[in-house]
């Protein structure tokens, strides 16, 4: 019975662990939405332990509008792309 090292075990499936170029492109296309959702989450977390002030309310509203705009832009961008093999 042969022994393998931890390094050999970790690198045995290395090609499958890395994201493909298409996956990286998809993440890059969604990055504005990911950032906007992160900003909204931060604004909501900031008000968890206290009563939201008027400034907090404005910050959350702005963050929600950025999320909606990013979703709209992403949906419009993906709606413009056509897949090969579709019906003519």
PDB file of N, CA and C in Angstrom:
ATOM      1  N   UNK A   1       0.843  -1.173   0.000  1.00  0.00           N
ATOM      2  CA  UNK A   1       0.000   0.000   0.000  1.00  0.00           C
ATOM      3  C   UNK A   1       0.894   1.243   0.000  1.00  0.00           C
ATOM      4  N   UNK A   2       0.646   2.134  -0.946  1.00  0.00           N
ATOM      5  CA  UNK A   2       1.496   3.322  -1.049  1.00  0.00           C
ATOM      6  C   UNK A   2       0.882   4.474  -0.259  1.00  0.00           C
ATOM      7  N   UNK A   3       1.743   5.309   0.284  1.00  0.00           N
ATOM      8  CA  UNK A   3       1.321   6.464   1.061  1.00  0.00           C
ATOM      9  C   UNK A   3       1.366   7.704   0.163  1.00  0.00           C
ATOM     10  N   UNK A   4       0.371   8.570   0.282  1.00  0.00           N
ATOM     11  CA  UNK A   4       0.404   9.842  -0.440  1.00  0.00           C
ATOM     12  C   UNK A   4       0.496  10.964   0.586  1.00  0.00           C
ATOM     13  N   UNK A   5       1.104  12.039   0.161  1.00  0.00           N
ATOM     14  CA  UNK A   5       1.247  13.185   1.057  1.00  0.00           C
ATOM     15  C   UNK A   5      -0.010  14.045   0.984  1.00  0.00           C
ATOM     16  N   UNK A   6      -0.141  14.927   1.938  1.00  0.00           N
ATOM     17  CA  UNK A   6      -1.275  15.838   1.953  1.00  0.00           C
ATOM     18  C   UNK A   6      -1.233  16.744   0.723  1.00  0.00           C
ATOM     19  N   UNK A   7      -0.050  17.194   0.342  1.00  0.00           N
ATOM     20  CA  UNK A   7       0.089  18.060  -0.828  1.00  0.00           C
ATOM     21  C   UNK A   7      -0.366  17.340  -2.091  1.00  0.00           C
ATOM     22  N   UNK A   8      -0.038  16.073  -2.222  1.00  0.00           N
ATOM     23  CA  UNK A   8      -0.478  15.306  -3.391  1.00  0.00           C
ATOM     24  C   UNK A   8      -1.994  15.141  -3.394  1.00  0.00           C
ATOM     25  N   UNK A   9      -2.568  14.935  -2.238  1.00  0.00           N
ATOM     26  CA  UNK A   9      -4.018  14.792  -2.147  1.00  0.00           C
ATOM     27  C   UNK A   9      -4.720  16.096  -2.500  1.00  0.00           C
ATOM     28  N   UNK A  10      -4.159  17.213  -2.072  1.00  0.00           N
ATOM     29  CA  UNK A  10      -4.786  18.501  -2.350  1.00  0.00           C
ATOM     30  C   UNK A  10      -4.658  18.913  -3.807  1.00  0.00           C
ATOM     31  N   UNK A  11      -3.569  18.569  -4.443  1.00  0.00           N
ATOM     32  CA  UNK A  11      -3.364  18.970  -5.832  1.00  0.00           C
ATOM     33  C   UNK A  11      -3.838  17.918  -6.825  1.00  0.00           C
ATOM     34  N   UNK A  12      -4.361  16.801  -6.346  1.00  0.00           N
ATOM     35  CA  UNK A  12      -4.805  15.747  -7.254  1.00  0.00           C
ATOM     36  C   UNK A  12      -5.965  16.216  -8.119  1.00  0.00           C
ATOM     37  N   UNK A  13      -6.827  17.056  -7.579  1.00  0.00           N
ATOM     38  CA  UNK A  13      -7.990  17.519  -8.324  1.00  0.00           C
ATOM     39  C   UNK A  13      -7.907  19.002  -8.653  1.00  0.00           C
ATOM     40  N   UNK A  14      -6.728  19.501  -8.747  1.00  0.00           N
ATOM     41  CA  UNK A  14      -6.516  20.929  -8.933  1.00  0.00           C
ATOM     42  C   UNK A  14      -7.250  21.525 -10.133  1.00  0.00           C
ATOM     43  N   UNK A  15      -7.271  20.896 -11.306  1.00  0.00           N
ATOM     44  CA  UNK A  15      -7.978  21.529 -12.425  1.00  0.00           C
ATOM     45  C   UNK A  15      -9.468  21.752 -12.152  1.00  0.00           C
ATOM     46  N   UNK A  16     -10.063  20.955 -11.302  1.00  0.00           N
ATOM     47  CA  UNK A  16     -11.492  21.105 -11.027  1.00  0.00           C
ATOM     48  C   UNK A  16     -11.762  22.099  -9.915  1.00  0.00           C
ATOM     49  N   UNK A  17     -10.753  22.478  -9.176  1.00  0.00           N
ATOM     50  CA  UNK A  17     -10.954  23.413  -8.080  1.00  0.00           C
ATOM     51  C   UNK A  17     -10.966  24.867  -8.537  1.00  0.00           C
ATOM     52  N   UNK A  18     -10.300  25.164  -9.608  1.00  0.00           N
ATOM     53  CA  UNK A  18     -10.200  26.538 -10.087  1.00  0.00           C
ATOM     54  C   UNK A  18     -11.430  26.898 -10.915  1.00  0.00           C
ATOM     55  N   UNK A  19     -11.938  28.122 -10.778  1.00  0.00           N
ATOM     56  CA  UNK A  19     -13.066  28.543 -11.614  1.00  0.00           C
ATOM     57  C   UNK A  19     -12.622  28.719 -13.063  1.00  0.00           C
ATOM     58  N   UNK A  20     -13.536  28.449 -13.956  1.00  0.00           N
ATOM     59  CA  UNK A  20     -13.241  28.603 -15.381  1.00  0.00           C
ATOM     60  C   UNK A  20     -13.287  30.085 -15.746  1.00  0.00           C
ATOM     61  N   UNK A  21     -12.820  30.388 -16.938  1.00  0.00           N
ATOM     62  CA  UNK A  21     -12.860  31.778 -17.410  1.00  0.00           C
ATOM     63  C   UNK A  21     -14.298  32.271 -17.510  1.00  0.00           C
ATOM     64  N   UNK A  22     -15.218  31.404 -17.940  1.00  0.00           N
ATOM     65  CA  UNK A  22     -16.628  31.789 -18.044  1.00  0.00           C
ATOM     66  C   UNK A  22     -17.215  32.101 -16.669  1.00  0.00           C
ATOM     67  N   UNK A  23     -16.852  31.317 -15.664  1.00  0.00           N
ATOM     68  CA  UNK A  23     -17.335  31.573 -14.315  1.00  0.00           C
ATOM     69  C   UNK A  23     -16.776  32.886 -13.771  1.00  0.00           C
ATOM     70  N   UNK A  24     -15.512  33.154 -14.042  1.00  0.00           N
ATOM     71  CA  UNK A  24     -14.912  34.416 -13.604  1.00  0.00           C
ATOM     72  C   UNK A  24     -15.558  35.607 -14.302  1.00  0.00           C
ATOM     73  N   UNK A  25     -15.891  35.450 -15.587  1.00  0.00           N
ATOM     74  CA  UNK A  25     -16.574  36.520 -16.319  1.00  0.00           C
ATOM     75  C   UNK A  25     -17.967  36.769 -15.744  1.00  0.00           C
ATOM     76  N   UNK A  26     -18.668  35.692 -15.377  1.00  0.00           N
ATOM     77  CA  UNK A  26     -19.998  35.833 -14.787  1.00  0.00           C
ATOM     78  C   UNK A  26     -19.922  36.551 -13.439  1.00  0.00           C
ATOM     79  N   UNK A  27     -18.928  36.216 -12.640  1.00  0.00           N
ATOM     80  CA  UNK A  27     -18.739  36.888 -11.349  1.00  0.00           C
ATOM     81  C   UNK A  27     -18.419  38.360 -11.568  1.00  0.00           C
ATOM     82  N   UNK A  28     -17.573  38.634 -12.543  1.00  0.00           N
ATOM     83  CA  UNK A  28     -17.202  40.015 -12.843  1.00  0.00           C
ATOM     84  C   UNK A  28     -18.420  40.819 -13.299  1.00  0.00           C
ATOM     85  N   UNK A  29     -19.307  40.187 -14.088  1.00  0.00           N
ATOM     86  CA  UNK A  29     -20.509  40.876 -14.556  1.00  0.00           C
ATOM     87  C   UNK A  29     -21.468  41.163 -13.404  1.00  0.00           C
ATOM     88  N   UNK A  30     -21.481  40.297 -12.388  1.00  0.00           N
ATOM     89  CA  UNK A  30     -22.386  40.458 -11.256  1.00  0.00           C
ATOM     90  C   UNK A  30     -21.772  41.278 -10.116  1.00  0.00           C
ATOM     91  N   UNK A  31     -20.546  41.697 -10.248  1.00  0.00           N
ATOM     92  CA  UNK A  31     -19.872  42.402  -9.157  1.00  0.00           C
ATOM     93  C   UNK A  31     -20.574  43.692  -8.726  1.00  0.00           C
ATOM     94  N   UNK A  32     -21.128  44.510  -9.621  1.00  0.00           N
ATOM     95  CA  UNK A  32     -21.852  45.699  -9.132  1.00  0.00           C
ATOM     96  C   UNK A  32     -23.045  45.324  -8.239  1.00  0.00           C
ATOM     97  N   UNK A  33     -23.749  44.255  -8.583  1.00  0.00           N
ATOM     98  CA  UNK A  33     -24.871  43.807  -7.758  1.00  0.00           C
ATOM     99  C   UNK A  33     -24.374  43.265  -6.426  1.00  0.00           C
ATOM    100  N   UNK A  34     -23.293  42.512  -6.446  1.00  0.00           N
ATOM    101  CA  UNK A  34     -22.735  41.970  -5.209  1.00  0.00           C
ATOM    102  C   UNK A  34     -22.305  43.101  -4.283  1.00  0.00           C
ATOM    103  N   UNK A  35     -21.667  44.116  -4.819  1.00  0.00           N
ATOM    104  CA  UNK A  35     -21.231  45.265  -4.003  1.00  0.00           C
ATOM    105  C   UNK A  35     -22.423  46.030  -3.442  1.00  0.00           C
ATOM    106  N   UNK A  36     -23.453  46.234  -4.263  1.00  0.00           N
ATOM    107  CA  UNK A  36     -24.636  46.957  -3.812  1.00  0.00           C
ATOM    108  C   UNK A  36     -25.359  46.182  -2.714  1.00  0.00           C
ATOM    109  N   UNK A  37     -25.449  44.869  -2.853  1.00  0.00           N
ATOM    110  CA  UNK A  37     -26.087  44.063  -1.815  1.00  0.00           C
ATOM    111  C   UNK A  37     -25.267  44.083  -0.525  1.00  0.00           C
ATOM    112  N   UNK A  38     -23.960  44.112  -0.646  1.00  0.00           N
ATOM    113  CA  UNK A  38     -23.102  44.224   0.529  1.00  0.00           C
ATOM    114  C   UNK A  38     -23.304  45.543   1.253  1.00  0.00           C
ATOM    115  N   UNK A  39     -23.434  46.632   0.484  1.00  0.00           N
ATOM    116  CA  UNK A  39     -23.685  47.948   1.088  1.00  0.00           C
ATOM    117  C   UNK A  39     -25.031  47.972   1.811  1.00  0.00           C
ATOM    118  N   UNK A  40     -26.046  47.359   1.204  1.00  0.00           N
ATOM    119  CA  UNK A  40     -27.361  47.293   1.842  1.00  0.00           C
ATOM    120  C   UNK A  40     -27.291  46.485   3.130  1.00  0.00           C
ATOM    121  N   UNK A  41     -26.593  45.387   3.087  1.00  0.00           N
ATOM    122  CA  UNK A  41     -26.454  44.563   4.285  1.00  0.00           C
ATOM    123  C   UNK A  41     -25.737  45.322   5.402  1.00  0.00           C
ATOM    124  N   UNK A  42     -24.701  46.053   5.058  1.00  0.00           N
ATOM    125  CA  UNK A  42     -23.983  46.851   6.056  1.00  0.00           C
ATOM    126  C   UNK A  42     -24.891  47.914   6.672  1.00  0.00           C
ATOM    127  N   UNK A  43     -25.711  48.550   5.838  1.00  0.00           N
ATOM    128  CA  UNK A  43     -26.622  49.575   6.350  1.00  0.00           C
ATOM    129  C   UNK A  43     -27.661  48.960   7.278  1.00  0.00           C
ATOM    130  N   UNK A  44     -28.144  47.782   6.934  1.00  0.00           N
ATOM    131  CA  UNK A  44     -29.133  47.129   7.784  1.00  0.00           C
ATOM    132  C   UNK A  44     -28.514  46.630   9.084  1.00  0.00           C
ATOM    133  N   UNK A  45     -27.310  46.108   9.023  1.00  0.00           N
ATOM    134  CA  UNK A  45     -26.638  45.612  10.224  1.00  0.00           C
ATOM    135  C   UNK A  45     -26.368  46.759  11.197  1.00  0.00           C
ATOM    136  N   UNK A  46     -26.052  47.918  10.664  1.00  0.00           N
ATOM    137  CA  UNK A  46     -25.748  49.068  11.523  1.00  0.00           C
ATOM    138  C   UNK A  46     -26.941  49.475  12.369  1.00  0.00           C
ATOM    139  N   UNK A  47     -28.155  49.126  11.955  1.00  0.00           N
ATOM    140  CA  UNK A  47     -29.350  49.548  12.692  1.00  0.00           C
ATOM    141  C   UNK A  47     -29.958  48.418  13.519  1.00  0.00           C
ATOM    142  N   UNK A  48     -29.278  47.301  13.628  1.00  0.00           N
ATOM    143  CA  UNK A  48     -29.845  46.172  14.372  1.00  0.00           C
ATOM    144  C   UNK A  48     -29.986  46.445  15.869  1.00  0.00           C
ATOM    145  N   UNK A  49     -29.035  47.108  16.459  1.00  0.00           N
ATOM    146  CA  UNK A  49     -29.037  47.270  17.903  1.00  0.00           C
ATOM    147  C   UNK A  49     -29.506  48.650  18.367  1.00  0.00           C
ATOM    148  N   UNK A  50     -30.077  49.413  17.469  1.00  0.00           N
ATOM    149  CA  UNK A  50     -30.569  50.733  17.869  1.00  0.00           C
ATOM    150  C   UNK A  50     -31.720  51.129  16.956  1.00  0.00           C
ATOM    151  N   UNK A  51     -32.428  52.126  17.363  1.00  0.00           N
ATOM    152  CA  UNK A  51     -33.517  52.647  16.540  1.00  0.00           C
ATOM    153  C   UNK A  51     -32.907  53.432  15.385  1.00  0.00           C
ATOM    154  N   UNK A  52     -33.307  53.119  14.162  1.00  0.00           N
ATOM    155  CA  UNK A  52     -32.714  53.835  13.012  1.00  0.00           C
ATOM    156  C   UNK A  52     -33.048  55.319  13.038  1.00  0.00           C
ATOM    157  N   UNK A  53     -32.046  56.123  12.781  1.00  0.00           N
ATOM    158  CA  UNK A  53     -32.248  57.571  12.695  1.00  0.00           C
ATOM    159  C   UNK A  53     -32.674  57.915  11.270  1.00  0.00           C
ATOM    160  N   UNK A  54     -32.937  59.174  11.049  1.00  0.00           N
ATOM    161  CA  UNK A  54     -33.307  59.625   9.708  1.00  0.00           C
ATOM    162  C   UNK A  54     -32.154  59.381   8.727  1.00  0.00           C
ATOM    163  N   UNK A  55     -30.940  59.584   9.192  1.00  0.00           N
ATOM    164  CA  UNK A  55     -29.771  59.330   8.355  1.00  0.00           C
ATOM    165  C   UNK A  55     -29.656  57.844   8.004  1.00  0.00           C
ATOM    166  N   UNK A  56     -29.935  56.972   8.976  1.00  0.00           N
ATOM    167  CA  UNK A  56     -29.917  55.533   8.712  1.00  0.00           C
ATOM    168  C   UNK A  56     -30.976  55.152   7.681  1.00  0.00           C
ATOM    169  N   UNK A  57     -32.169  55.737   7.828  1.00  0.00           N
ATOM    170  CA  UNK A  57     -33.238  55.452   6.866  1.00  0.00           C
ATOM    171  C   UNK A  57     -32.834  55.860   5.456  1.00  0.00           C
ATOM    172  N   UNK A  58     -32.212  57.025   5.331  1.00  0.00           N
ATOM    173  CA  UNK A  58     -31.765  57.474   4.009  1.00  0.00           C
ATOM    174  C   UNK A  58     -30.691  56.558   3.442  1.00  0.00           C
ATOM    175  N   UNK A  59     -29.776  56.155   4.314  1.00  0.00           N
ATOM    176  CA  UNK A  59     -28.699  55.256   3.866  1.00  0.00           C
ATOM    177  C   UNK A  59     -29.276  53.927   3.358  1.00  0.00           C
ATOM    178  N   UNK A  60     -30.255  53.376   4.066  1.00  0.00           N
ATOM    179  CA  UNK A  60     -30.878  52.115   3.645  1.00  0.00           C
ATOM    180  C   UNK A  60     -31.652  52.308   2.344  1.00  0.00           C
ATOM    181  N   UNK A  61     -32.385  53.423   2.226  1.00  0.00           N
ATOM    182  CA  UNK A  61     -33.118  53.675   0.975  1.00  0.00           C
ATOM    183  C   UNK A  61     -32.177  53.795  -0.212  1.00  0.00           C
ATOM    184  N   UNK A  62     -31.080  54.532  -0.018  1.00  0.00           N
ATOM    185  CA  UNK A  62     -30.099  54.670  -1.112  1.00  0.00           C
ATOM    186  C   UNK A  62     -29.513  53.321  -1.491  1.00  0.00           C
ATOM    187  N   UNK A  63     -29.209  52.510  -0.497  1.00  0.00           N
ATOM    188  CA  UNK A  63     -28.635  51.184  -0.760  1.00  0.00           C
ATOM    189  C   UNK A  63     -29.646  50.308  -1.492  1.00  0.00           C
ATOM    190  N   UNK A  64     -30.914  50.375  -1.107  1.00  0.00           N
ATOM    191  CA  UNK A  64     -31.943  49.591  -1.810  1.00  0.00           C
ATOM    192  C   UNK A  64     -32.067  50.037  -3.267  1.00  0.00           C
ATOM    193  N   UNK A  65     -32.017  51.354  -3.488  1.00  0.00           N
ATOM    194  CA  UNK A  65     -32.101  51.852  -4.870  1.00  0.00           C
ATOM    195  C   UNK A  65     -30.908  51.383  -5.701  1.00  0.00           C
ATOM    196  N   UNK A  66     -29.713  51.340  -5.078  1.00  0.00           N
ATOM    197  CA  UNK A  66     -28.533  50.848  -5.802  1.00  0.00           C
ATOM    198  C   UNK A  66     -28.675  49.371  -6.134  1.00  0.00           C
ATOM    199  N   UNK A  67     -29.244  48.589  -5.218  1.00  0.00           N
ATOM    200  CA  UNK A  67     -29.457  47.167  -5.488  1.00  0.00           C
ATOM    201  C   UNK A  67     -30.438  46.996  -6.643  1.00  0.00           C
ATOM    202  N   UNK A  68     -31.540  47.731  -6.601  1.00  0.00           N
ATOM    203  CA  UNK A  68     -32.523  47.625  -7.681  1.00  0.00           C
ATOM    204  C   UNK A  68     -31.943  48.051  -9.023  1.00  0.00           C
ATOM    205  N   UNK A  69     -31.159  49.115  -9.030  1.00  0.00           N
ATOM    206  CA  UNK A  69     -30.539  49.576 -10.279  1.00  0.00           C
ATOM    207  C   UNK A  69     -29.537  48.541 -10.800  1.00  0.00           C
ATOM    208  N   UNK A  70     -28.773  47.943  -9.897  1.00  0.00           N
ATOM    209  CA  UNK A  70     -27.802  46.925 -10.326  1.00  0.00           C
ATOM    210  C   UNK A  70     -28.516  45.691 -10.865  1.00  0.00           C
ATOM    211  N   UNK A  71     -29.621  45.297 -10.226  1.00  0.00           N
ATOM    212  CA  UNK A  71     -30.399  44.160 -10.731  1.00  0.00           C
ATOM    213  C   UNK A  71     -30.972  44.465 -12.106  1.00  0.00           C
ATOM    214  N   UNK A  72     -31.495  45.692 -12.276  1.00  0.00           N
ATOM    215  CA  UNK A  72     -32.047  46.090 -13.559  1.00  0.00           C
ATOM    216  C   UNK A  72     -30.968  46.055 -14.645  1.00  0.00           C
ATOM    217  N   UNK A  73     -29.813  46.627 -14.345  1.00  0.00           N
ATOM    218  CA  UNK A  73     -28.726  46.660 -15.321  1.00  0.00           C
ATOM    219  C   UNK A  73     -28.267  45.253 -15.680  1.00  0.00           C
ATOM    220  N   UNK A  74     -28.169  44.386 -14.688  1.00  0.00           N
ATOM    221  CA  UNK A  74     -27.749  43.011 -14.941  1.00  0.00           C
ATOM    222  C   UNK A  74     -28.788  42.269 -15.775  1.00  0.00           C
ATOM    223  N   UNK A  75     -30.069  42.470 -15.473  1.00  0.00           N
ATOM    224  CA  UNK A  75     -31.129  41.815 -16.245  1.00  0.00           C
ATOM    225  C   UNK A  75     -31.148  42.319 -17.684  1.00  0.00           C
ATOM    226  N   UNK A  76     -30.958  43.621 -17.864  1.00  0.00           N
ATOM    227  CA  UNK A  76     -30.942  44.171 -19.219  1.00  0.00           C
ATOM    228  C   UNK A  76     -29.728  43.683 -19.997  1.00  0.00           C
ATOM    229  N   UNK A  77     -28.603  43.534 -19.310  1.00  0.00           N
ATOM    230  CA  UNK A  77     -27.388  43.068 -19.973  1.00  0.00           C
ATOM    231  C   UNK A  77     -27.540  41.612 -20.414  1.00  0.00           C
ATOM    232  N   UNK A  78     -28.138  40.766 -19.569  1.00  0.00           N
ATOM    233  CA  UNK A  78     -28.295  39.362 -19.915  1.00  0.00           C
ATOM    234  C   UNK A  78     -29.430  39.154 -20.907  1.00  0.00           C
ATOM    235  N   UNK A  79     -30.410  40.059 -20.937  1.00  0.00           N
ATOM    236  CA  UNK A  79     -31.512  39.941 -21.904  1.00  0.00           C
ATOM    237  C   UNK A  79     -31.032  40.237 -23.310  1.00  0.00           C
ATOM    238  N   UNK A  80     -29.980  41.042 -23.428  1.00  0.00           N
ATOM    239  CA  UNK A  80     -29.465  41.387 -24.745  1.00  0.00           C
ATOM    240  C   UNK A  80     -28.644  40.267 -25.377  1.00  0.00           C
ATOM    241  N   UNK A  81     -28.168  39.328 -24.583  1.00  0.00           N
ATOM    242  CA  UNK A  81     -27.359  38.245 -25.117  1.00  0.00           C
ATOM    243  C   UNK A  81     -28.256  37.151 -25.653  1.00  0.00           C
ATOM    244  N   UNK A  82     -27.838  36.555 -26.741  1.00  0.00           N
ATOM    245  CA  UNK A  82     -28.600  35.454 -27.338  1.00  0.00           C
ATOM    246  C   UNK A  82     -27.776  34.186 -27.247  1.00  0.00           C
ATOM    247  N   UNK A  83     -28.450  33.109 -27.030  1.00  0.00           N
ATOM    248  CA  UNK A  83     -27.792  31.823 -26.937  1.00  0.00           C
ATOM    249  C   UNK A  83     -27.765  31.161 -28.300  1.00  0.00           C
ATOM    250  N   UNK A  84     -26.690  30.465 -28.639  1.00  0.00           N
ATOM    251  CA  UNK A  84     -26.635  29.790 -29.939  1.00  0.00           C
ATOM    252  C   UNK A  84     -27.627  28.634 -29.973  1.00  0.00           C
ATOM    253  N   UNK A  85     -28.165  28.378 -31.143  1.00  0.00           N
ATOM    254  CA  UNK A  85     -29.080  27.264 -31.312  1.00  0.00           C
ATOM    255  C   UNK A  85     -30.520  27.593 -31.013  1.00  0.00           C
ATOM    256  N   UNK A  86     -30.827  28.879 -30.822  1.00  0.00           N
ATOM    257  CA  UNK A  86     -32.192  29.271 -30.512  1.00  0.00           C
ATOM    258  C   UNK A  86     -33.058  29.266 -31.773  1.00  0.00           C
ATOM    259  N   UNK A  87     -34.350  29.314 -31.574  1.00  0.00           N
ATOM    260  CA  UNK A  87     -35.292  29.327 -32.701  1.00  0.00           C
ATOM    261  C   UNK A  87     -35.199  30.680 -33.399  1.00  0.00           C
ATOM    262  N   UNK A  88     -35.278  30.663 -34.695  1.00  0.00           N
ATOM    263  CA  UNK A  88     -35.156  31.904 -35.454  1.00  0.00           C
ATOM    264  C   UNK A  88     -36.478  32.544 -35.680  1.00  0.00           C
TER     265      UNK A  88
END
